[in-house]
Structure formats: structure tokens, C-alpha cells
Amino acid sequence: MDAVIGALRDQDGIPVDRASCSLAMLHPEVRSTQVIWEAGVGARSIKRTHDAAAAVIYTRSPNFGAS
């Protein structure tokens, strides 16, 4: 992810301070994996469990239920 963001910043001049990508998983314990990149910090990944879908912060999101 560092290389992709670096290319956007250097070649295209797009000011990127942070980016996120979430991938759904077919796994009995993990719902998705999210990769978060922040300038000066780099990339980190977070595994979300199926319980995360019931959290208020998720159900009140404008993206909840979006396909």
C-alpha cells in the first residue's frame, strides 16, 4: 500500500494523508480485514469479527446495508 500511495503523491501530485481499504472475508471468525495507511505512520491492518456488524457505530453509518 505504501507504493500505491507514494505513486499517487509523487507522480500525480494527489495530496493523500490517509487511505483505507476493506476486504470481506469468507471466514467463520473474521468478517473483514481493513488496511489503513497514514502519512508518516505507514500501513496497519485490522481484522473485524462478525460481531462488529452489530456495533452502533456500524449500524448508524451511512454505508450500512449499502451494496
PDB file of N, CA and C in Angstrom:
ATOM      1  N   MET A   1       0.828  -1.186   0.000  1.00  0.00           N
ATOM      2  CA  MET A   1       0.000   0.000   0.000  1.00  0.00           C
ATOM      3  C   MET A   1       0.874   1.251   0.000  1.00  0.00           C
ATOM      4  N   ASP A   2       2.030   1.178   0.636  1.00  0.00           N
ATOM      5  CA  ASP A   2       2.939   2.323   0.646  1.00  0.00           C
ATOM      6  C   ASP A   2       3.326   2.732  -0.775  1.00  0.00           C
ATOM      7  N   ALA A   3       3.564   1.742  -1.645  1.00  0.00           N
ATOM      8  CA  ALA A   3       3.973   2.037  -3.022  1.00  0.00           C
ATOM      9  C   ALA A   3       2.847   2.706  -3.810  1.00  0.00           C
ATOM     10  N   VAL A   4       1.622   2.260  -3.629  1.00  0.00           N
ATOM     11  CA  VAL A   4       0.477   2.835  -4.342  1.00  0.00           C
ATOM     12  C   VAL A   4       0.254   4.278  -3.917  1.00  0.00           C
ATOM     13  N   ILE A   5       0.236   4.513  -2.625  1.00  0.00           N
ATOM     14  CA  ILE A   5       0.031   5.874  -2.121  1.00  0.00           C
ATOM     15  C   ILE A   5       1.193   6.766  -2.528  1.00  0.00           C
ATOM     16  N   GLY A   6       2.407   6.234  -2.461  1.00  0.00           N
ATOM     17  CA  GLY A   6       3.579   7.000  -2.873  1.00  0.00           C
ATOM     18  C   GLY A   6       3.491   7.428  -4.328  1.00  0.00           C
ATOM     19  N   ALA A   7       3.007   6.544  -5.193  1.00  0.00           N
ATOM     20  CA  ALA A   7       2.855   6.877  -6.614  1.00  0.00           C
ATOM     21  C   ALA A   7       1.814   7.974  -6.809  1.00  0.00           C
ATOM     22  N   LEU A   8       0.714   7.893  -6.083  1.00  0.00           N
ATOM     23  CA  LEU A   8      -0.320   8.923  -6.188  1.00  0.00           C
ATOM     24  C   LEU A   8       0.214  10.280  -5.743  1.00  0.00           C
ATOM     25  N   ARG A   9       0.990  10.265  -4.686  1.00  0.00           N
ATOM     26  CA  ARG A   9       1.515  11.520  -4.148  1.00  0.00           C
ATOM     27  C   ARG A   9       2.616  12.094  -5.033  1.00  0.00           C
ATOM     28  N   ASP A  10       3.539  11.236  -5.480  1.00  0.00           N
ATOM     29  CA  ASP A  10       4.710  11.719  -6.207  1.00  0.00           C
ATOM     30  C   ASP A  10       4.440  11.979  -7.692  1.00  0.00           C
ATOM     31  N   GLN A  11       3.830  11.022  -8.373  1.00  0.00           N
ATOM     32  CA  GLN A  11       3.632  11.142  -9.814  1.00  0.00           C
ATOM     33  C   GLN A  11       2.427  11.996 -10.179  1.00  0.00           C
ATOM     34  N   ASP A  12       1.339  11.825  -9.452  1.00  0.00           N
ATOM     35  CA  ASP A  12       0.106  12.517  -9.808  1.00  0.00           C
ATOM     36  C   ASP A  12      -0.139  13.765  -8.968  1.00  0.00           C
ATOM     37  N   GLY A  13       0.639  13.963  -7.929  1.00  0.00           N
ATOM     38  CA  GLY A  13       0.511  15.158  -7.099  1.00  0.00           C
ATOM     39  C   GLY A  13      -0.748  15.200  -6.251  1.00  0.00           C
ATOM     40  N   ILE A  14      -1.357  14.040  -6.003  1.00  0.00           N
ATOM     41  CA  ILE A  14      -2.570  13.990  -5.185  1.00  0.00           C
ATOM     42  C   ILE A  14      -2.163  14.031  -3.709  1.00  0.00           C
ATOM     43  N   PRO A  15      -2.685  15.000  -2.941  1.00  0.00           N
ATOM     44  CA  PRO A  15      -2.321  15.074  -1.520  1.00  0.00           C
ATOM     45  C   PRO A  15      -3.079  14.021  -0.701  1.00  0.00           C
ATOM     46  N   VAL A  16      -2.407  12.934  -0.394  1.00  0.00           N
ATOM     47  CA  VAL A  16      -3.024  11.845   0.362  1.00  0.00           C
ATOM     48  C   VAL A  16      -2.403  11.807   1.758  1.00  0.00           C
ATOM     49  N   ASP A  17      -3.244  11.971   2.780  1.00  0.00           N
ATOM     50  CA  ASP A  17      -2.765  11.889   4.157  1.00  0.00           C
ATOM     51  C   ASP A  17      -3.149  10.566   4.813  1.00  0.00           C
ATOM     52  N   ARG A  18      -4.249   9.974   4.338  1.00  0.00           N
ATOM     53  CA  ARG A  18      -4.636   8.653   4.841  1.00  0.00           C
ATOM     54  C   ARG A  18      -5.533   7.978   3.819  1.00  0.00           C
ATOM     55  N   ALA A  19      -5.517   6.651   3.856  1.00  0.00           N
ATOM     56  CA  ALA A  19      -6.331   5.846   2.946  1.00  0.00           C
ATOM     57  C   ALA A  19      -6.711   4.561   3.655  1.00  0.00           C
ATOM     58  N   SER A  20      -7.812   3.970   3.219  1.00  0.00           N
ATOM     59  CA  SER A  20      -8.305   2.753   3.848  1.00  0.00           C
ATOM     60  C   SER A  20      -8.908   1.844   2.793  1.00  0.00           C
ATOM     61  N   CYS A  21      -8.725   0.557   2.978  1.00  0.00           N
ATOM     62  CA  CYS A  21      -9.301  -0.446   2.086  1.00  0.00           C
ATOM     63  C   CYS A  21      -9.788  -1.602   2.953  1.00  0.00           C
ATOM     64  N   SER A  22     -11.007  -2.045   2.709  1.00  0.00           N
ATOM     65  CA  SER A  22     -11.581  -3.139   3.489  1.00  0.00           C
ATOM     66  C   SER A  22     -11.952  -4.279   2.551  1.00  0.00           C
ATOM     67  N   LEU A  23     -11.575  -5.492   2.928  1.00  0.00           N
ATOM     68  CA  LEU A  23     -11.847  -6.673   2.125  1.00  0.00           C
ATOM     69  C   LEU A  23     -12.694  -7.660   2.913  1.00  0.00           C
ATOM     70  N   ALA A  24     -13.840  -8.024   2.353  1.00  0.00           N
ATOM     71  CA  ALA A  24     -14.700  -9.021   3.002  1.00  0.00           C
ATOM     72  C   ALA A  24     -14.023 -10.388   2.943  1.00  0.00           C
ATOM     73  N   MET A  25     -14.216 -11.171   3.988  1.00  0.00           N
ATOM     74  CA  MET A  25     -13.580 -12.482   4.066  1.00  0.00           C
ATOM     75  C   MET A  25     -14.650 -13.568   4.197  1.00  0.00           C
ATOM     76  N   LEU A  26     -14.393 -14.712   3.647  1.00  0.00           N
ATOM     77  CA  LEU A  26     -15.230 -15.884   3.864  1.00  0.00           C
ATOM     78  C   LEU A  26     -14.539 -16.728   4.926  1.00  0.00           C
ATOM     79  N   HIS A  27     -14.781 -16.366   6.171  1.00  0.00           N
ATOM     80  CA  HIS A  27     -14.095 -16.996   7.298  1.00  0.00           C
ATOM     81  C   HIS A  27     -15.090 -17.078   8.454  1.00  0.00           C
ATOM     82  N   PRO A  28     -15.107 -18.161   9.194  1.00  0.00           N
ATOM     83  CA  PRO A  28     -16.087 -18.291  10.280  1.00  0.00           C
ATOM     84  C   PRO A  28     -15.893 -17.311  11.441  1.00  0.00           C
ATOM     85  N   GLU A  29     -14.692 -16.777  11.629  1.00  0.00           N
ATOM     86  CA  GLU A  29     -14.440 -15.873  12.745  1.00  0.00           C
ATOM     87  C   GLU A  29     -14.163 -14.430  12.325  1.00  0.00           C
ATOM     88  N   VAL A  30     -13.694 -14.223  11.105  1.00  0.00           N
ATOM     89  CA  VAL A  30     -13.308 -12.890  10.643  1.00  0.00           C
ATOM     90  C   VAL A  30     -14.264 -12.430   9.548  1.00  0.00           C
ATOM     91  N   ARG A  31     -14.884 -11.269   9.741  1.00  0.00           N
ATOM     92  CA  ARG A  31     -15.817 -10.709   8.753  1.00  0.00           C
ATOM     93  C   ARG A  31     -15.074  -9.984   7.634  1.00  0.00           C
ATOM     94  N   SER A  32     -14.041  -9.208   8.024  1.00  0.00           N
ATOM     95  CA  SER A  32     -13.272  -8.452   7.033  1.00  0.00           C
ATOM     96  C   SER A  32     -11.904  -8.095   7.588  1.00  0.00           C
ATOM     97  N   THR A  33     -11.035  -7.716   6.672  1.00  0.00           N
ATOM     98  CA  THR A  33      -9.728  -7.186   7.032  1.00  0.00           C
ATOM     99  C   THR A  33      -9.637  -5.787   6.455  1.00  0.00           C
ATOM    100  N   GLN A  34      -9.243  -4.842   7.274  1.00  0.00           N
ATOM    101  CA  GLN A  34      -9.119  -3.459   6.842  1.00  0.00           C
ATOM    102  C   GLN A  34      -7.655  -3.064   6.901  1.00  0.00           C
ATOM    103  N   VAL A  35      -7.174  -2.443   5.824  1.00  0.00           N
ATOM    104  CA  VAL A  35      -5.822  -1.912   5.786  1.00  0.00           C
ATOM    105  C   VAL A  35      -5.936  -0.392   5.816  1.00  0.00           C
ATOM    106  N   ILE A  36      -5.278   0.220   6.786  1.00  0.00           N
ATOM    107  CA  ILE A  36      -5.306   1.669   6.950  1.00  0.00           C
ATOM    108  C   ILE A  36      -3.883   2.191   6.765  1.00  0.00           C
ATOM    109  N   TRP A  37      -3.740   3.182   5.896  1.00  0.00           N
ATOM    110  CA  TRP A  37      -2.449   3.816   5.667  1.00  0.00           C
ATOM    111  C   TRP A  37      -2.533   5.266   6.098  1.00  0.00           C
ATOM    112  N   GLU A  38      -1.525   5.730   6.856  1.00  0.00           N
ATOM    113  CA  GLU A  38      -1.448   7.133   7.278  1.00  0.00           C
ATOM    114  C   GLU A  38      -0.060   7.665   6.987  1.00  0.00           C
ATOM    115  N   ALA A  39      -0.012   8.896   6.479  1.00  0.00           N
ATOM    116  CA  ALA A  39       1.266   9.536   6.177  1.00  0.00           C
ATOM    117  C   ALA A  39       2.122   9.605   7.433  1.00  0.00           C
ATOM    118  N   GLY A  40       3.374   9.247   7.305  1.00  0.00           N
ATOM    119  CA  GLY A  40       4.295   9.285   8.434  1.00  0.00           C
ATOM    120  C   GLY A  40       4.186   8.093   9.365  1.00  0.00           C
ATOM    121  N   VAL A  41       3.159   7.284   9.191  1.00  0.00           N
ATOM    122  CA  VAL A  41       2.960   6.114  10.047  1.00  0.00           C
ATOM    123  C   VAL A  41       3.121   4.833   9.242  1.00  0.00           C
ATOM    124  N   GLY A  42       2.558   4.808   8.043  1.00  0.00           N
ATOM    125  CA  GLY A  42       2.591   3.613   7.212  1.00  0.00           C
ATOM    126  C   GLY A  42       1.283   2.850   7.301  1.00  0.00           C
ATOM    127  N   ALA A  43       1.331   1.599   6.909  1.00  0.00           N
ATOM    128  CA  ALA A  43       0.123   0.770   6.845  1.00  0.00           C
ATOM    129  C   ALA A  43      -0.006  -0.123   8.071  1.00  0.00           C
ATOM    130  N   ARG A  44      -1.243  -0.365   8.445  1.00  0.00           N
ATOM    131  CA  ARG A  44      -1.543  -1.337   9.507  1.00  0.00           C
ATOM    132  C   ARG A  44      -2.816  -2.060   9.095  1.00  0.00           C
ATOM    133  N   SER A  45      -3.013  -3.249   9.599  1.00  0.00           N
ATOM    134  CA  SER A  45      -4.223  -3.990   9.253  1.00  0.00           C
ATOM    135  C   SER A  45      -4.996  -4.358  10.507  1.00  0.00           C
ATOM    136  N   ILE A  46      -6.317  -4.381  10.346  1.00  0.00           N
ATOM    137  CA  ILE A  46      -7.227  -4.704  11.449  1.00  0.00           C
ATOM    138  C   ILE A  46      -8.185  -5.782  10.971  1.00  0.00           C
ATOM    139  N   LYS A  47      -8.329  -6.828  11.753  1.00  0.00           N
ATOM    140  CA  LYS A  47      -9.304  -7.868  11.444  1.00  0.00           C
ATOM    141  C   LYS A  47     -10.588  -7.575  12.201  1.00  0.00           C
ATOM    142  N   ARG A  48     -11.697  -7.532  11.481  1.00  0.00           N
ATOM    143  CA  ARG A  48     -13.007  -7.269  12.078  1.00  0.00           C
ATOM    144  C   ARG A  48     -13.758  -8.589  12.216  1.00  0.00           C
ATOM    145  N   THR A  49     -14.322  -8.816  13.383  1.00  0.00           N
ATOM    146  CA  THR A  49     -15.093 -10.044  13.608  1.00  0.00           C
ATOM    147  C   THR A  49     -16.542  -9.827  13.157  1.00  0.00           C
ATOM    148  N   HIS A  50     -17.307 -10.891  13.115  1.00  0.00           N
ATOM    149  CA  HIS A  50     -18.712 -10.801  12.722  1.00  0.00           C
ATOM    150  C   HIS A  50     -19.519  -9.968  13.712  1.00  0.00           C
ATOM    151  N   ASP A  51     -19.081  -9.893  14.967  1.00  0.00           N
ATOM    152  CA  ASP A  51     -19.771  -9.085  15.982  1.00  0.00           C
ATOM    153  C   ASP A  51     -19.724  -7.594  15.648  1.00  0.00           C
ATOM    154  N   ALA A  52     -18.736  -7.167  14.874  1.00  0.00           N
ATOM    155  CA  ALA A  52     -18.588  -5.750  14.541  1.00  0.00           C
ATOM    156  C   ALA A  52     -19.798  -5.213  13.784  1.00  0.00           C
ATOM    157  N   ALA A  53     -20.485  -6.060  13.042  1.00  0.00           N
ATOM    158  CA  ALA A  53     -21.648  -5.626  12.258  1.00  0.00           C
ATOM    159  C   ALA A  53     -22.815  -5.209  13.145  1.00  0.00           C
ATOM    160  N   ALA A  54     -22.824  -5.608  14.394  1.00  0.00           N
ATOM    161  CA  ALA A  54     -23.908  -5.253  15.311  1.00  0.00           C
ATOM    162  C   ALA A  54     -23.586  -3.990  16.116  1.00  0.00           C
ATOM    163  N   ALA A  55     -22.380  -3.478  16.013  1.00  0.00           N
ATOM    164  CA  ALA A  55     -21.978  -2.292  16.776  1.00  0.00           C
ATOM    165  C   ALA A  55     -22.737  -1.058  16.290  1.00  0.00           C
ATOM    166  N   VAL A  56     -23.089  -0.180  17.213  1.00  0.00           N
ATOM    167  CA  VAL A  56     -23.847   1.031  16.898  1.00  0.00           C
ATOM    168  C   VAL A  56     -23.102   1.899  15.886  1.00  0.00           C
ATOM    169  N   ILE A  57     -21.802   2.013  16.032  1.00  0.00           N
ATOM    170  CA  ILE A  57     -21.039   2.846  15.100  1.00  0.00           C
ATOM    171  C   ILE A  57     -21.153   2.316  13.671  1.00  0.00           C
ATOM    172  N   TYR A  58     -21.353   1.024  13.516  1.00  0.00           N
ATOM    173  CA  TYR A  58     -21.508   0.418  12.194  1.00  0.00           C
ATOM    174  C   TYR A  58     -22.948   0.550  11.691  1.00  0.00           C
ATOM    175  N   THR A  59     -23.912   0.260  12.539  1.00  0.00           N
ATOM    176  CA  THR A  59     -25.312   0.293  12.099  1.00  0.00           C
ATOM    177  C   THR A  59     -25.810   1.713  11.843  1.00  0.00           C
ATOM    178  N   ARG A  60     -25.183   2.720  12.445  1.00  0.00           N
ATOM    179  CA  ARG A  60     -25.573   4.114  12.192  1.00  0.00           C
ATOM    180  C   ARG A  60     -24.769   4.760  11.068  1.00  0.00           C
ATOM    181  N   SER A  61     -23.879   4.005  10.481  1.00  0.00           N
ATOM    182  CA  SER A  61     -23.069   4.512   9.369  1.00  0.00           C
ATOM    183  C   SER A  61     -23.937   4.688   8.124  1.00  0.00           C
ATOM    184  N   PRO A  62     -23.667   5.715   7.313  1.00  0.00           N
ATOM    185  CA  PRO A  62     -24.427   5.888   6.070  1.00  0.00           C
ATOM    186  C   PRO A  62     -24.153   4.745   5.081  1.00  0.00           C
ATOM    187  N   ASN A  63     -23.122   3.974   5.310  1.00  0.00           N
ATOM    188  CA  ASN A  63     -22.802   2.853   4.422  1.00  0.00           C
ATOM    189  C   ASN A  63     -23.441   1.542   4.850  1.00  0.00           C
ATOM    190  N   PHE A  64     -24.110   1.521   6.001  1.00  0.00           N
ATOM    191  CA  PHE A  64     -24.706   0.289   6.499  1.00  0.00           C
ATOM    192  C   PHE A  64     -25.754  -0.216   5.508  1.00  0.00           C
ATOM    193  N   GLY A  65     -25.620  -1.429   5.120  1.00  0.00           N
ATOM    194  CA  GLY A  65     -26.584  -2.029   4.194  1.00  0.00           C
ATOM    195  C   GLY A  65     -26.351  -1.666   2.746  1.00  0.00           C
ATOM    196  N   ALA A  66     -25.317  -0.864   2.468  1.00  0.00           N
ATOM    197  CA  ALA A  66     -25.025  -0.498   1.068  1.00  0.00           C
ATOM    198  C   ALA A  66     -24.461  -1.693   0.340  1.00  0.00           C
ATOM    199  N   SER A  67     -24.831  -1.813  -0.914  1.00  0.00           N
ATOM    200  CA  SER A  67     -24.279  -2.941  -1.688  1.00  0.00           C
ATOM    201  C   SER A  67     -23.279  -2.484  -2.695  1.00  0.00           C
TER     202      SER A  67
END
